[in-house]
């Protein structure tokens, strides 16, 4: 098995946390990887600038979906402005991927969706 596909990543791909469409989000962020077709939409409810609920949906490879699932629980209860400061290294470190991997874009699509929250 390729080291890019850790057991934890595959489990989060097969059973993603907080996966589904939120009915009335306060903020939505979308990101698409045109090269491979991965797409993610992040939904956030916030109260006074703090994340009170968060979900995502989309389609994509194991790295794309698994990465978002791995990071999404860490976003709960955080300040919206702190979310926008998250760096790509956060997810790369979490899944153990090097910056020069050809699959970096798959992993960092989750960060792009977060930064696109409006």
PDB file of N, CA and C in Angstrom:
ATOM      1  N   UNK A   1       0.845  -1.185   0.000  1.00  0.00           N
ATOM      2  CA  UNK A   1       0.000   0.000   0.000  1.00  0.00           C
ATOM      3  C   UNK A   1       0.884   1.240   0.000  1.00  0.00           C
ATOM      4  N   UNK A   2       0.553   2.205  -0.811  1.00  0.00           N
ATOM      5  CA  UNK A   2       1.277   3.455  -0.899  1.00  0.00           C
ATOM      6  C   UNK A   2       1.207   4.181   0.444  1.00  0.00           C
ATOM      7  N   UNK A   3       2.328   4.737   0.913  1.00  0.00           N
ATOM      8  CA  UNK A   3       2.343   5.408   2.205  1.00  0.00           C
ATOM      9  C   UNK A   3       1.447   6.646   2.231  1.00  0.00           C
ATOM     10  N   UNK A   4       1.086   7.190   1.072  1.00  0.00           N
ATOM     11  CA  UNK A   4       0.173   8.327   1.017  1.00  0.00           C
ATOM     12  C   UNK A   4      -1.200   7.946   1.554  1.00  0.00           C
ATOM     13  N   UNK A   5      -1.562   6.689   1.388  1.00  0.00           N
ATOM     14  CA  UNK A   5      -2.871   6.215   1.816  1.00  0.00           C
ATOM     15  C   UNK A   5      -2.763   5.503   3.165  1.00  0.00           C
ATOM     16  N   UNK A   6      -2.723   6.273   4.231  1.00  0.00           N
ATOM     17  CA  UNK A   6      -2.651   5.681   5.559  1.00  0.00           C
ATOM     18  C   UNK A   6      -3.985   5.035   5.910  1.00  0.00           C
ATOM     19  N   UNK A   7      -3.943   4.162   6.871  1.00  0.00           N
ATOM     20  CA  UNK A   7      -5.157   3.487   7.337  1.00  0.00           C
ATOM     21  C   UNK A   7      -6.194   4.512   7.817  1.00  0.00           C
ATOM     22  N   UNK A   8      -5.738   5.511   8.550  1.00  0.00           N
ATOM     23  CA  UNK A   8      -6.638   6.552   9.067  1.00  0.00           C
ATOM     24  C   UNK A   8      -7.270   7.353   7.930  1.00  0.00           C
ATOM     25  N   UNK A   9      -6.486   7.671   6.916  1.00  0.00           N
ATOM     26  CA  UNK A   9      -7.008   8.418   5.771  1.00  0.00           C
ATOM     27  C   UNK A   9      -8.072   7.607   5.036  1.00  0.00           C
ATOM     28  N   UNK A  10      -7.809   6.341   4.800  1.00  0.00           N
ATOM     29  CA  UNK A  10      -8.764   5.477   4.110  1.00  0.00           C
ATOM     30  C   UNK A  10     -10.047   5.332   4.919  1.00  0.00           C
ATOM     31  N   UNK A  11      -9.925   5.180   6.224  1.00  0.00           N
ATOM     32  CA  UNK A  11     -11.107   5.064   7.085  1.00  0.00           C
ATOM     33  C   UNK A  11     -11.956   6.341   7.016  1.00  0.00           C
ATOM     34  N   UNK A  12     -11.302   7.493   6.991  1.00  0.00           N
ATOM     35  CA  UNK A  12     -12.029   8.759   6.896  1.00  0.00           C
ATOM     36  C   UNK A  12     -12.631   8.963   5.516  1.00  0.00           C
ATOM     37  N   UNK A  13     -12.056   8.364   4.508  1.00  0.00           N
ATOM     38  CA  UNK A  13     -12.636   8.402   3.164  1.00  0.00           C
ATOM     39  C   UNK A  13     -13.893   7.529   3.109  1.00  0.00           C
ATOM     40  N   UNK A  14     -13.790   6.352   3.667  1.00  0.00           N
ATOM     41  CA  UNK A  14     -14.921   5.418   3.639  1.00  0.00           C
ATOM     42  C   UNK A  14     -16.075   5.863   4.533  1.00  0.00           C
ATOM     43  N   UNK A  15     -15.745   6.478   5.663  1.00  0.00           N
ATOM     44  CA  UNK A  15     -16.743   6.922   6.641  1.00  0.00           C
ATOM     45  C   UNK A  15     -16.437   8.356   7.062  1.00  0.00           C
ATOM     46  N   UNK A  16     -16.647   9.313   6.163  1.00  0.00           N
ATOM     47  CA  UNK A  16     -16.281  10.697   6.486  1.00  0.00           C
ATOM     48  C   UNK A  16     -17.123  11.279   7.622  1.00  0.00           C
ATOM     49  N   UNK A  17     -16.461  12.036   8.464  1.00  0.00           N
ATOM     50  CA  UNK A  17     -17.116  12.715   9.578  1.00  0.00           C
ATOM     51  C   UNK A  17     -17.813  13.981   9.067  1.00  0.00           C
ATOM     52  N   UNK A  18     -18.975  14.246   9.622  1.00  0.00           N
ATOM     53  CA  UNK A  18     -19.729  15.470   9.333  1.00  0.00           C
ATOM     54  C   UNK A  18     -19.989  15.641   7.836  1.00  0.00           C
ATOM     55  N   UNK A  19     -20.260  14.522   7.156  1.00  0.00           N
ATOM     56  CA  UNK A  19     -20.483  14.547   5.709  1.00  0.00           C
ATOM     57  C   UNK A  19     -21.972  14.692   5.416  1.00  0.00           C
ATOM     58  N   UNK A  20     -22.300  15.619   4.560  1.00  0.00           N
ATOM     59  CA  UNK A  20     -23.675  15.846   4.125  1.00  0.00           C
ATOM     60  C   UNK A  20     -23.897  17.317   3.869  1.00  0.00           C
ATOM     61  N   UNK A  21     -25.022  17.618   3.273  1.00  0.00           N
ATOM     62  CA  UNK A  21     -25.332  19.009   2.965  1.00  0.00           C
ATOM     63  C   UNK A  21     -26.099  19.634   4.127  1.00  0.00           C
ATOM     64  N   UNK A  22     -25.667  20.816   4.539  1.00  0.00           N
ATOM     65  CA  UNK A  22     -26.334  21.559   5.604  1.00  0.00           C
ATOM     66  C   UNK A  22     -27.445  22.395   4.979  1.00  0.00           C
ATOM     67  N   UNK A  23     -28.601  22.379   5.596  1.00  0.00           N
ATOM     68  CA  UNK A  23     -29.763  23.068   5.041  1.00  0.00           C
ATOM     69  C   UNK A  23     -29.630  24.591   4.983  1.00  0.00           C
ATOM     70  N   UNK A  24     -29.290  25.229   6.053  1.00  0.00           N
ATOM     71  CA  UNK A  24     -29.237  26.692   6.053  1.00  0.00           C
ATOM     72  C   UNK A  24     -27.927  27.190   6.666  1.00  0.00           C
ATOM     73  N   UNK A  25     -26.822  27.014   5.949  1.00  0.00           N
ATOM     74  CA  UNK A  25     -25.537  27.468   6.502  1.00  0.00           C
ATOM     75  C   UNK A  25     -25.444  28.993   6.489  1.00  0.00           C
ATOM     76  N   UNK A  26     -24.652  29.512   7.400  1.00  0.00           N
ATOM     77  CA  UNK A  26     -24.354  30.947   7.404  1.00  0.00           C
ATOM     78  C   UNK A  26     -23.236  31.270   6.423  1.00  0.00           C
ATOM     79  N   UNK A  27     -22.318  30.324   6.256  1.00  0.00           N
ATOM     80  CA  UNK A  27     -21.186  30.487   5.340  1.00  0.00           C
ATOM     81  C   UNK A  27     -21.015  29.215   4.525  1.00  0.00           C
ATOM     82  N   UNK A  28     -20.563  29.386   3.291  1.00  0.00           N
ATOM     83  CA  UNK A  28     -20.274  28.254   2.417  1.00  0.00           C
ATOM     84  C   UNK A  28     -18.948  28.510   1.726  1.00  0.00           C
ATOM     85  N   UNK A  29     -18.136  27.481   1.639  1.00  0.00           N
ATOM     86  CA  UNK A  29     -16.866  27.571   0.912  1.00  0.00           C
ATOM     87  C   UNK A  29     -16.769  26.410  -0.050  1.00  0.00           C
ATOM     88  N   UNK A  30     -16.379  26.688  -1.263  1.00  0.00           N
ATOM     89  CA  UNK A  30     -16.301  25.639  -2.288  1.00  0.00           C
ATOM     90  C   UNK A  30     -14.913  25.655  -2.914  1.00  0.00           C
ATOM     91  N   UNK A  31     -14.435  24.467  -3.255  1.00  0.00           N
ATOM     92  CA  UNK A  31     -13.153  24.342  -3.940  1.00  0.00           C
ATOM     93  C   UNK A  31     -13.242  23.184  -4.926  1.00  0.00           C
ATOM     94  N   UNK A  32     -12.651  23.393  -6.100  1.00  0.00           N
ATOM     95  CA  UNK A  32     -12.680  22.386  -7.160  1.00  0.00           C
ATOM     96  C   UNK A  32     -11.267  22.214  -7.709  1.00  0.00           C
ATOM     97  N   UNK A  33     -10.886  20.969  -7.923  1.00  0.00           N
ATOM     98  CA  UNK A  33      -9.632  20.668  -8.588  1.00  0.00           C
ATOM     99  C   UNK A  33      -9.989  20.286 -10.022  1.00  0.00           C
ATOM    100  N   UNK A  34      -9.823  21.223 -10.938  1.00  0.00           N
ATOM    101  CA  UNK A  34     -10.203  20.998 -12.335  1.00  0.00           C
ATOM    102  C   UNK A  34      -9.409  19.885 -13.010  1.00  0.00           C
ATOM    103  N   UNK A  35      -8.222  19.589 -12.496  1.00  0.00           N
ATOM    104  CA  UNK A  35      -7.391  18.558 -13.118  1.00  0.00           C
ATOM    105  C   UNK A  35      -7.953  17.155 -12.945  1.00  0.00           C
ATOM    106  N   UNK A  36      -8.552  16.899 -11.791  1.00  0.00           N
ATOM    107  CA  UNK A  36      -9.033  15.530 -11.538  1.00  0.00           C
ATOM    108  C   UNK A  36     -10.521  15.449 -11.233  1.00  0.00           C
ATOM    109  N   UNK A  37     -11.166  16.589 -11.031  1.00  0.00           N
ATOM    110  CA  UNK A  37     -12.600  16.586 -10.778  1.00  0.00           C
ATOM    111  C   UNK A  37     -13.000  16.556  -9.312  1.00  0.00           C
ATOM    112  N   UNK A  38     -12.035  16.541  -8.386  1.00  0.00           N
ATOM    113  CA  UNK A  38     -12.381  16.603  -6.965  1.00  0.00           C
ATOM    114  C   UNK A  38     -13.109  17.908  -6.681  1.00  0.00           C
ATOM    115  N   UNK A  39     -14.124  17.841  -5.827  1.00  0.00           N
ATOM    116  CA  UNK A  39     -14.807  19.060  -5.406  1.00  0.00           C
ATOM    117  C   UNK A  39     -15.316  18.906  -3.989  1.00  0.00           C
ATOM    118  N   UNK A  40     -15.198  19.981  -3.232  1.00  0.00           N
ATOM    119  CA  UNK A  40     -15.636  20.015  -1.844  1.00  0.00           C
ATOM    120  C   UNK A  40     -16.453  21.273  -1.603  1.00  0.00           C
ATOM    121  N   UNK A  41     -17.503  21.134  -0.801  1.00  0.00           N
ATOM    122  CA  UNK A  41     -18.259  22.280  -0.325  1.00  0.00           C
ATOM    123  C   UNK A  41     -18.329  22.174   1.184  1.00  0.00           C
ATOM    124  N   UNK A  42     -17.951  23.237   1.854  1.00  0.00           N
ATOM    125  CA  UNK A  42     -17.928  23.307   3.310  1.00  0.00           C
ATOM    126  C   UNK A  42     -19.073  24.210   3.758  1.00  0.00           C
ATOM    127  N   UNK A  43     -19.826  23.759   4.756  1.00  0.00           N
ATOM    128  CA  UNK A  43     -20.963  24.511   5.285  1.00  0.00           C
ATOM    129  C   UNK A  43     -20.710  24.827   6.747  1.00  0.00           C
ATOM    130  N   UNK A  44     -20.938  26.086   7.121  1.00  0.00           N
ATOM    131  CA  UNK A  44     -20.668  26.515   8.485  1.00  0.00           C
ATOM    132  C   UNK A  44     -21.847  27.309   9.034  1.00  0.00           C
ATOM    133  N   UNK A  45     -22.227  26.976  10.250  1.00  0.00           N
ATOM    134  CA  UNK A  45     -23.136  27.817  11.025  1.00  0.00           C
ATOM    135  C   UNK A  45     -22.266  28.483  12.068  1.00  0.00           C
ATOM    136  N   UNK A  46     -22.501  29.782  12.262  1.00  0.00           N
ATOM    137  CA  UNK A  46     -21.707  30.472  13.262  1.00  0.00           C
ATOM    138  C   UNK A  46     -22.598  31.385  14.078  1.00  0.00           C
ATOM    139  N   UNK A  47     -22.155  31.579  15.285  1.00  0.00           N
ATOM    140  CA  UNK A  47     -22.841  32.477  16.194  1.00  0.00           C
ATOM    141  C   UNK A  47     -21.796  33.402  16.784  1.00  0.00           C
ATOM    142  N   UNK A  48     -21.970  34.674  16.536  1.00  0.00           N
ATOM    143  CA  UNK A  48     -21.038  35.696  17.015  1.00  0.00           C
ATOM    144  C   UNK A  48     -19.595  35.389  16.609  1.00  0.00           C
ATOM    145  N   UNK A  49     -19.422  34.907  15.369  1.00  0.00           N
ATOM    146  CA  UNK A  49     -18.095  34.662  14.825  1.00  0.00           C
ATOM    147  C   UNK A  49     -17.461  33.349  15.223  1.00  0.00           C
ATOM    148  N   UNK A  50     -18.215  32.482  15.909  1.00  0.00           N
ATOM    149  CA  UNK A  50     -17.697  31.189  16.357  1.00  0.00           C
ATOM    150  C   UNK A  50     -18.446  30.064  15.644  1.00  0.00           C
ATOM    151  N   UNK A  51     -17.709  29.057  15.177  1.00  0.00           N
ATOM    152  CA  UNK A  51     -18.304  27.914  14.485  1.00  0.00           C
ATOM    153  C   UNK A  51     -19.145  27.120  15.482  1.00  0.00           C
ATOM    154  N   UNK A  52     -20.450  26.994  15.184  1.00  0.00           N
ATOM    155  CA  UNK A  52     -21.340  26.218  16.047  1.00  0.00           C
ATOM    156  C   UNK A  52     -21.749  24.896  15.398  1.00  0.00           C
ATOM    157  N   UNK A  53     -21.612  24.794  14.091  1.00  0.00           N
ATOM    158  CA  UNK A  53     -21.856  23.545  13.385  1.00  0.00           C
ATOM    159  C   UNK A  53     -21.097  23.614  12.063  1.00  0.00           C
ATOM    160  N   UNK A  54     -20.665  22.458  11.588  1.00  0.00           N
ATOM    161  CA  UNK A  54     -19.894  22.424  10.347  1.00  0.00           C
ATOM    162  C   UNK A  54     -20.097  21.070   9.674  1.00  0.00           C
ATOM    163  N   UNK A  55     -20.239  21.092   8.358  1.00  0.00           N
ATOM    164  CA  UNK A  55     -20.403  19.878   7.561  1.00  0.00           C
ATOM    165  C   UNK A  55     -19.743  20.102   6.211  1.00  0.00           C
ATOM    166  N   UNK A  56     -19.569  19.018   5.471  1.00  0.00           N
ATOM    167  CA  UNK A  56     -19.063  19.151   4.108  1.00  0.00           C
ATOM    168  C   UNK A  56     -19.683  18.074   3.243  1.00  0.00           C
ATOM    169  N   UNK A  57     -19.687  18.355   1.945  1.00  0.00           N
ATOM    170  CA  UNK A  57     -20.031  17.319   0.985  1.00  0.00           C
ATOM    171  C   UNK A  57     -19.155  17.509  -0.237  1.00  0.00           C
ATOM    172  N   UNK A  58     -19.260  16.583  -1.145  1.00  0.00           N
ATOM    173  CA  UNK A  58     -18.460  16.659  -2.352  1.00  0.00           C
ATOM    174  C   UNK A  58     -18.161  15.274  -2.866  1.00  0.00           C
ATOM    175  N   UNK A  59     -17.262  15.266  -3.820  1.00  0.00           N
ATOM    176  CA  UNK A  59     -16.833  13.995  -4.386  1.00  0.00           C
ATOM    177  C   UNK A  59     -15.361  14.129  -4.731  1.00  0.00           C
ATOM    178  N   UNK A  60     -14.686  13.005  -4.638  1.00  0.00           N
ATOM    179  CA  UNK A  60     -13.272  13.055  -4.948  1.00  0.00           C
ATOM    180  C   UNK A  60     -12.566  11.793  -4.504  1.00  0.00           C
ATOM    181  N   UNK A  61     -11.274  11.845  -4.602  1.00  0.00           N
ATOM    182  CA  UNK A  61     -10.433  10.702  -4.272  1.00  0.00           C
ATOM    183  C   UNK A  61     -10.328  10.528  -2.749  1.00  0.00           C
ATOM    184  N   UNK A  62      -9.684   9.455  -2.347  1.00  0.00           N
ATOM    185  CA  UNK A  62      -9.515   9.157  -0.925  1.00  0.00           C
ATOM    186  C   UNK A  62      -8.753  10.266  -0.203  1.00  0.00           C
ATOM    187  N   UNK A  63      -7.764  10.847  -0.845  1.00  0.00           N
ATOM    188  CA  UNK A  63      -6.984  11.910  -0.205  1.00  0.00           C
ATOM    189  C   UNK A  63      -7.839  13.147   0.002  1.00  0.00           C
ATOM    190  N   UNK A  64      -8.603  13.528  -0.982  1.00  0.00           N
ATOM    191  CA  UNK A  64      -9.449  14.718  -0.912  1.00  0.00           C
ATOM    192  C   UNK A  64     -10.505  14.593   0.189  1.00  0.00           C
ATOM    193  N   UNK A  65     -11.313  13.564   0.130  1.00  0.00           N
ATOM    194  CA  UNK A  65     -12.397  13.376   1.101  1.00  0.00           C
ATOM    195  C   UNK A  65     -11.837  13.031   2.480  1.00  0.00           C
ATOM    196  N   UNK A  66     -10.857  12.148   2.522  1.00  0.00           N
ATOM    197  CA  UNK A  66     -10.256  11.756   3.794  1.00  0.00           C
ATOM    198  C   UNK A  66      -9.601  12.920   4.520  1.00  0.00           C
ATOM    199  N   UNK A  67      -8.933  13.797   3.782  1.00  0.00           N
ATOM    200  CA  UNK A  67      -8.272  14.957   4.386  1.00  0.00           C
ATOM    201  C   UNK A  67      -9.281  15.901   5.028  1.00  0.00           C
ATOM    202  N   UNK A  68     -10.364  16.175   4.316  1.00  0.00           N
ATOM    203  CA  UNK A  68     -11.385  17.065   4.878  1.00  0.00           C
ATOM    204  C   UNK A  68     -12.002  16.435   6.124  1.00  0.00           C
ATOM    205  N   UNK A  69     -12.280  15.154   6.064  1.00  0.00           N
ATOM    206  CA  UNK A  69     -12.861  14.471   7.217  1.00  0.00           C
ATOM    207  C   UNK A  69     -11.922  14.507   8.423  1.00  0.00           C
ATOM    208  N   UNK A  70     -10.635  14.377   8.177  1.00  0.00           N
ATOM    209  CA  UNK A  70      -9.654  14.389   9.268  1.00  0.00           C
ATOM    210  C   UNK A  70      -9.540  15.746   9.948  1.00  0.00           C
ATOM    211  N   UNK A  71      -9.724  16.815   9.198  1.00  0.00           N
ATOM    212  CA  UNK A  71      -9.523  18.149   9.770  1.00  0.00           C
ATOM    213  C   UNK A  71     -10.817  18.793  10.269  1.00  0.00           C
ATOM    214  N   UNK A  72     -11.956  18.327   9.802  1.00  0.00           N
ATOM    215  CA  UNK A  72     -13.207  19.051  10.057  1.00  0.00           C
ATOM    216  C   UNK A  72     -13.570  19.144  11.539  1.00  0.00           C
ATOM    217  N   UNK A  73     -13.322  18.115  12.298  1.00  0.00           N
ATOM    218  CA  UNK A  73     -13.673  18.152  13.723  1.00  0.00           C
ATOM    219  C   UNK A  73     -12.854  19.214  14.471  1.00  0.00           C
ATOM    220  N   UNK A  74     -11.654  19.493  13.999  1.00  0.00           N
ATOM    221  CA  UNK A  74     -10.811  20.510  14.632  1.00  0.00           C
ATOM    222  C   UNK A  74     -11.344  21.924  14.399  1.00  0.00           C
ATOM    223  N   UNK A  75     -12.253  22.072  13.466  1.00  0.00           N
ATOM    224  CA  UNK A  75     -12.770  23.390  13.120  1.00  0.00           C
ATOM    225  C   UNK A  75     -13.941  23.813  14.004  1.00  0.00           C
ATOM    226  N   UNK A  76     -14.564  22.852  14.676  1.00  0.00           N
ATOM    227  CA  UNK A  76     -15.685  23.163  15.571  1.00  0.00           C
ATOM    228  C   UNK A  76     -15.234  24.075  16.703  1.00  0.00           C
ATOM    229  N   UNK A  77     -16.107  24.975  17.069  1.00  0.00           N
ATOM    230  CA  UNK A  77     -15.909  25.893  18.200  1.00  0.00           C
ATOM    231  C   UNK A  77     -14.779  26.897  17.991  1.00  0.00           C
ATOM    232  N   UNK A  78     -14.253  26.973  16.797  1.00  0.00           N
ATOM    233  CA  UNK A  78     -13.182  27.936  16.528  1.00  0.00           C
ATOM    234  C   UNK A  78     -13.755  29.236  16.004  1.00  0.00           C
ATOM    235  N   UNK A  79     -13.000  30.275  16.146  1.00  0.00           N
ATOM    236  CA  UNK A  79     -13.354  31.578  15.601  1.00  0.00           C
ATOM    237  C   UNK A  79     -13.234  31.507  14.082  1.00  0.00           C
ATOM    238  N   UNK A  80     -14.198  32.088  13.379  1.00  0.00           N
ATOM    239  CA  UNK A  80     -14.204  32.077  11.913  1.00  0.00           C
ATOM    240  C   UNK A  80     -12.895  32.650  11.367  1.00  0.00           C
ATOM    241  N   UNK A  81     -12.401  33.713  11.958  1.00  0.00           N
ATOM    242  CA  UNK A  81     -11.168  34.336  11.469  1.00  0.00           C
ATOM    243  C   UNK A  81      -9.961  33.416  11.648  1.00  0.00           C
ATOM    244  N   UNK A  82      -9.978  32.587  12.674  1.00  0.00           N
ATOM    245  CA  UNK A  82      -8.893  31.616  12.863  1.00  0.00           C
ATOM    246  C   UNK A  82      -8.925  30.555  11.767  1.00  0.00           C
ATOM    247  N   UNK A  83     -10.118  30.180  11.323  1.00  0.00           N
ATOM    248  CA  UNK A  83     -10.243  29.208  10.238  1.00  0.00           C
ATOM    249  C   UNK A  83      -9.553  29.729   8.981  1.00  0.00           C
ATOM    250  N   UNK A  84      -9.743  30.997   8.707  1.00  0.00           N
ATOM    251  CA  UNK A  84      -9.201  31.583   7.490  1.00  0.00           C
ATOM    252  C   UNK A  84      -7.673  31.675   7.511  1.00  0.00           C
ATOM    253  N   UNK A  85      -7.080  31.499   8.682  1.00  0.00           N
ATOM    254  CA  UNK A  85      -5.622  31.560   8.824  1.00  0.00           C
ATOM    255  C   UNK A  85      -4.959  30.185   8.702  1.00  0.00           C
ATOM    256  N   UNK A  86      -5.756  29.126   8.610  1.00  0.00           N
ATOM    257  CA  UNK A  86      -5.193  27.775   8.534  1.00  0.00           C
ATOM    258  C   UNK A  86      -4.316  27.653   7.287  1.00  0.00           C
ATOM    259  N   UNK A  87      -3.158  27.073   7.479  1.00  0.00           N
ATOM    260  CA  UNK A  87      -2.198  26.912   6.392  1.00  0.00           C
ATOM    261  C   UNK A  87      -2.254  25.498   5.825  1.00  0.00           C
ATOM    262  N   UNK A  88      -1.809  25.344   4.601  1.00  0.00           N
ATOM    263  CA  UNK A  88      -1.789  24.036   3.945  1.00  0.00           C
ATOM    264  C   UNK A  88      -0.964  23.019   4.718  1.00  0.00           C
ATOM    265  N   UNK A  89       0.088  23.483   5.384  1.00  0.00           N
ATOM    266  CA  UNK A  89       0.932  22.576   6.170  1.00  0.00           C
ATOM    267  C   UNK A  89       0.132  21.833   7.237  1.00  0.00           C
ATOM    268  N   UNK A  90      -0.944  22.449   7.723  1.00  0.00           N
ATOM    269  CA  UNK A  90      -1.763  21.822   8.763  1.00  0.00           C
ATOM    270  C   UNK A  90      -2.265  20.461   8.306  1.00  0.00           C
ATOM    271  N   UNK A  91      -2.835  20.386   7.125  1.00  0.00           N
ATOM    272  CA  UNK A  91      -3.374  19.113   6.643  1.00  0.00           C
ATOM    273  C   UNK A  91      -2.260  18.198   6.145  1.00  0.00           C
ATOM    274  N   UNK A  92      -1.246  18.759   5.519  1.00  0.00           N
ATOM    275  CA  UNK A  92      -0.138  17.928   5.040  1.00  0.00           C
ATOM    276  C   UNK A  92       0.549  17.215   6.206  1.00  0.00           C
ATOM    277  N   UNK A  93       0.759  17.936   7.303  1.00  0.00           N
ATOM    278  CA  UNK A  93       1.370  17.329   8.486  1.00  0.00           C
ATOM    279  C   UNK A  93       0.447  16.264   9.072  1.00  0.00           C
ATOM    280  N   UNK A  94      -0.835  16.542   9.086  1.00  0.00           N
ATOM    281  CA  UNK A  94      -1.813  15.616   9.665  1.00  0.00           C
ATOM    282  C   UNK A  94      -1.849  14.280   8.925  1.00  0.00           C
ATOM    283  N   UNK A  95      -1.715  14.323   7.603  1.00  0.00           N
ATOM    284  CA  UNK A  95      -1.772  13.071   6.844  1.00  0.00           C
ATOM    285  C   UNK A  95      -0.383  12.538   6.478  1.00  0.00           C
ATOM    286  N   UNK A  96       0.645  13.285   6.857  1.00  0.00           N
ATOM    287  CA  UNK A  96       2.008  12.819   6.602  1.00  0.00           C
ATOM    288  C   UNK A  96       2.439  12.927   5.154  1.00  0.00           C
ATOM    289  N   UNK A  97       1.952  13.924   4.458  1.00  0.00           N
ATOM    290  CA  UNK A  97       2.288  14.101   3.038  1.00  0.00           C
ATOM    291  C   UNK A  97       3.355  15.182   2.890  1.00  0.00           C
ATOM    292  N   UNK A  98       4.309  14.920   2.023  1.00  0.00           N
ATOM    293  CA  UNK A  98       5.349  15.905   1.740  1.00  0.00           C
ATOM    294  C   UNK A  98       4.837  16.936   0.735  1.00  0.00           C
ATOM    295  N   UNK A  99       5.388  18.149   0.831  1.00  0.00           N
ATOM    296  CA  UNK A  99       4.968  19.246  -0.049  1.00  0.00           C
ATOM    297  C   UNK A  99       5.260  18.986  -1.520  1.00  0.00           C
ATOM    298  N   UNK A 100       6.206  18.102  -1.800  1.00  0.00           N
ATOM    299  CA  UNK A 100       6.549  17.841  -3.198  1.00  0.00           C
ATOM    300  C   UNK A 100       5.792  16.646  -3.784  1.00  0.00           C
ATOM    301  N   UNK A 101       4.832  16.117  -3.042  1.00  0.00           N
ATOM    302  CA  UNK A 101       4.029  15.000  -3.545  1.00  0.00           C
ATOM    303  C   UNK A 101       3.155  15.477  -4.714  1.00  0.00           C
ATOM    304  N   UNK A 102       2.999  14.653  -5.730  1.00  0.00           N
ATOM    305  CA  UNK A 102       2.118  15.043  -6.839  1.00  0.00           C
ATOM    306  C   UNK A 102       0.647  15.111  -6.421  1.00  0.00           C
ATOM    307  N   UNK A 103       0.308  14.612  -5.243  1.00  0.00           N
ATOM    308  CA  UNK A 103      -1.080  14.603  -4.782  1.00  0.00           C
ATOM    309  C   UNK A 103      -1.387  15.715  -3.777  1.00  0.00           C
ATOM    310  N   UNK A 104      -0.480  16.682  -3.617  1.00  0.00           N
ATOM    311  CA  UNK A 104      -0.680  17.772  -2.664  1.00  0.00           C
ATOM    312  C   UNK A 104      -1.989  18.508  -2.915  1.00  0.00           C
ATOM    313  N   UNK A 105      -2.310  18.754  -4.153  1.00  0.00           N
ATOM    314  CA  UNK A 105      -3.544  19.496  -4.472  1.00  0.00           C
ATOM    315  C   UNK A 105      -4.779  18.761  -3.951  1.00  0.00           C
ATOM    316  N   UNK A 106      -4.777  17.446  -4.000  1.00  0.00           N
ATOM    317  CA  UNK A 106      -5.903  16.652  -3.473  1.00  0.00           C
ATOM    318  C   UNK A 106      -6.064  16.885  -1.971  1.00  0.00           C
ATOM    319  N   UNK A 107      -4.952  16.926  -1.262  1.00  0.00           N
ATOM    320  CA  UNK A 107      -4.977  17.100   0.189  1.00  0.00           C
ATOM    321  C   UNK A 107      -5.335  18.520   0.600  1.00  0.00           C
ATOM    322  N   UNK A 108      -4.856  19.487  -0.140  1.00  0.00           N
ATOM    323  CA  UNK A 108      -5.046  20.885   0.270  1.00  0.00           C
ATOM    324  C   UNK A 108      -6.344  21.500  -0.262  1.00  0.00           C
ATOM    325  N   UNK A 109      -7.126  20.744  -0.990  1.00  0.00           N
ATOM    326  CA  UNK A 109      -8.417  21.252  -1.444  1.00  0.00           C
ATOM    327  C   UNK A 109      -9.297  21.594  -0.239  1.00  0.00           C
ATOM    328  N   UNK A 110      -9.139  20.855   0.846  1.00  0.00           N
ATOM    329  CA  UNK A 110      -9.898  21.139   2.063  1.00  0.00           C
ATOM    330  C   UNK A 110      -9.557  22.533   2.598  1.00  0.00           C
ATOM    331  N   UNK A 111      -8.293  22.891   2.577  1.00  0.00           N
ATOM    332  CA  UNK A 111      -7.871  24.218   3.056  1.00  0.00           C
ATOM    333  C   UNK A 111      -8.402  25.308   2.130  1.00  0.00           C
ATOM    334  N   UNK A 112      -8.415  25.045   0.836  1.00  0.00           N
ATOM    335  CA  UNK A 112      -8.957  26.018  -0.104  1.00  0.00           C
ATOM    336  C   UNK A 112     -10.448  26.254   0.150  1.00  0.00           C
ATOM    337  N   UNK A 113     -11.190  25.197   0.419  1.00  0.00           N
ATOM    338  CA  UNK A 113     -12.630  25.350   0.731  1.00  0.00           C
ATOM    339  C   UNK A 113     -12.827  26.200   1.985  1.00  0.00           C
ATOM    340  N   UNK A 114     -11.984  25.984   2.984  1.00  0.00           N
ATOM    341  CA  UNK A 114     -12.060  26.775   4.220  1.00  0.00           C
ATOM    342  C   UNK A 114     -11.780  28.246   3.920  1.00  0.00           C
ATOM    343  N   UNK A 115     -10.742  28.515   3.153  1.00  0.00           N
ATOM    344  CA  UNK A 115     -10.374  29.893   2.833  1.00  0.00           C
ATOM    345  C   UNK A 115     -11.393  30.584   1.913  1.00  0.00           C
ATOM    346  N   UNK A 116     -12.218  29.800   1.232  1.00  0.00           N
ATOM    347  CA  UNK A 116     -13.247  30.371   0.357  1.00  0.00           C
ATOM    348  C   UNK A 116     -14.574  30.599   1.060  1.00  0.00           C
ATOM    349  N   UNK A 117     -14.622  30.452   2.365  1.00  0.00           N
ATOM    350  CA  UNK A 117     -15.869  30.672   3.093  1.00  0.00           C
ATOM    351  C   UNK A 117     -16.374  32.092   2.902  1.00  0.00           C
ATOM    352  N   UNK A 118     -17.641  32.187   2.552  1.00  0.00           N
ATOM    353  CA  UNK A 118     -18.291  33.505   2.371  1.00  0.00           C
ATOM    354  C   UNK A 118     -19.677  33.439   2.948  1.00  0.00           C
TER     355      UNK A 118
END
